[in-house]
Protein backbone atom coordinates (compact mmCIF):
# COMPACT_ATOMS: atom_id res chain seq x y z
CA MET A 1 0.27 0.17 -14.50
CA PRO A 2 -0.34 2.21 -11.34
CA GLU A 3 -3.16 0.82 -9.19
CA GLU A 4 -5.21 4.03 -9.44
CA GLU A 5 -5.14 3.88 -13.24
CA LEU A 6 -6.23 0.24 -13.14
CA LEU A 7 -9.08 1.16 -10.78
CA GLN A 8 -10.27 3.89 -13.15
CA LYS A 9 -10.25 1.48 -16.10
CA ALA A 10 -12.11 -1.15 -14.07
CA ASN A 11 -14.71 1.40 -12.90
CA HIS A 12 -15.22 2.47 -16.52
CA HIS A 13 -16.31 -1.12 -17.26
CA GLY A 14 -18.58 -1.37 -14.22
CA LEU A 15 -16.16 -3.29 -12.01
CA LYS A 16 -15.93 -2.31 -8.35
CA GLY A 17 -13.09 -2.91 -5.94
CA ASN A 18 -10.23 -1.46 -3.94
CA THR A 19 -6.61 -0.82 -4.74
CA TYR A 20 -3.58 -1.46 -2.57
CA SER A 21 0.04 -0.55 -3.11
CA THR A 22 1.32 -4.02 -2.14
CA VAL A 23 0.07 -7.59 -2.05
CA ASN A 24 0.82 -7.71 1.69
CA THR A 25 -1.38 -4.67 2.30
CA ALA A 26 -4.16 -6.23 0.23
CA LEU A 27 -3.88 -9.49 2.20
CA TYR A 28 -4.13 -7.60 5.49
CA ALA A 29 -7.15 -5.60 4.26
CA ALA A 30 -8.86 -8.79 3.11
CA SER A 31 -8.19 -10.42 6.49
CA LEU A 32 -9.93 -7.53 8.25
CA LYS A 33 -13.07 -8.05 6.16
CA ALA A 34 -13.04 -11.86 6.15
CA GLY A 35 -15.20 -13.88 8.47
CA LYS A 36 -14.12 -17.00 10.35
CA ASN A 37 -15.28 -19.31 7.56
CA ASP A 38 -14.14 -17.14 4.63
CA LEU A 39 -11.30 -18.03 2.29
CA ILE A 40 -8.75 -15.49 1.11
CA LEU A 41 -7.27 -16.47 -2.23
CA VAL A 42 -4.09 -14.82 -3.50
CA CYS A 43 -3.61 -15.53 -7.16
CA GLY A 44 -2.06 -14.03 -10.22
CA SER A 45 1.41 -14.25 -11.62
CA VAL A 46 4.30 -15.86 -9.80
CA PHE A 47 5.50 -12.31 -9.17
CA VAL A 48 2.26 -11.31 -7.42
CA VAL A 49 2.19 -14.35 -5.16
CA GLY A 50 5.95 -14.05 -4.66
CA GLU A 51 5.46 -10.59 -3.12
CA LEU A 52 3.81 -12.11 -0.05
CA SER A 53 5.98 -11.95 3.01
CA ILE A 54 5.99 -14.69 5.61
CA GLU A 55 5.29 -12.02 8.24
CA SER A 56 2.08 -10.93 6.53
CA VAL A 57 0.88 -14.51 6.14
CA ARG A 58 1.60 -15.22 9.81
CA SER A 59 -0.17 -12.03 10.88
CA VAL A 60 -3.32 -13.27 9.14
CA TRP A 61 -3.18 -16.97 10.03
CA GLY A 62 -1.27 -16.96 13.28
CA LYS A 63 2.26 -16.71 14.50
CA GLU A 64 3.58 -20.23 14.03
CA GLU A 65 6.96 -20.87 15.56
CA SER A 66 8.26 -22.29 12.30
CA LYS A 67 11.20 -20.44 10.79
CA GLY A 68 10.44 -21.86 7.34
CA SER A 69 9.90 -20.20 4.00
CA ILE A 70 6.85 -18.37 2.71
CA PHE A 71 5.73 -21.65 1.14
CA ASP A 72 5.76 -23.30 4.58
CA ALA A 73 3.60 -20.48 5.93
CA LEU A 74 1.17 -20.80 3.00
CA GLU A 75 0.98 -24.55 3.56
CA ILE A 76 0.20 -23.95 7.24
CA ALA A 77 -2.51 -21.49 6.22
CA ALA A 78 -4.01 -23.94 3.71
CA TRP A 79 -4.04 -26.81 6.20
CA SER A 80 -5.57 -24.55 8.84
CA PHE A 81 -8.37 -23.74 6.46
CA PHE A 82 -9.08 -27.31 5.31
CA ARG A 83 -9.00 -28.93 8.78
């Protein structure tokens, strides 16, 4: 379903929010609005979470020198949050 159609259906039921064409764009937008102590949670299907790119995660949580996978970057982000 196109994101604009989903937004219209959500608005019809009193839900408010924003739409983004990609998960990476949504993550970046959330990072701009998040405060230092806020948590950004990406959830949904494996396909939704799988869309995240390591570059977008690093742009939000820092440019670690690791050349690992997206899961390594998410682990770094999680540990950074829970320290």
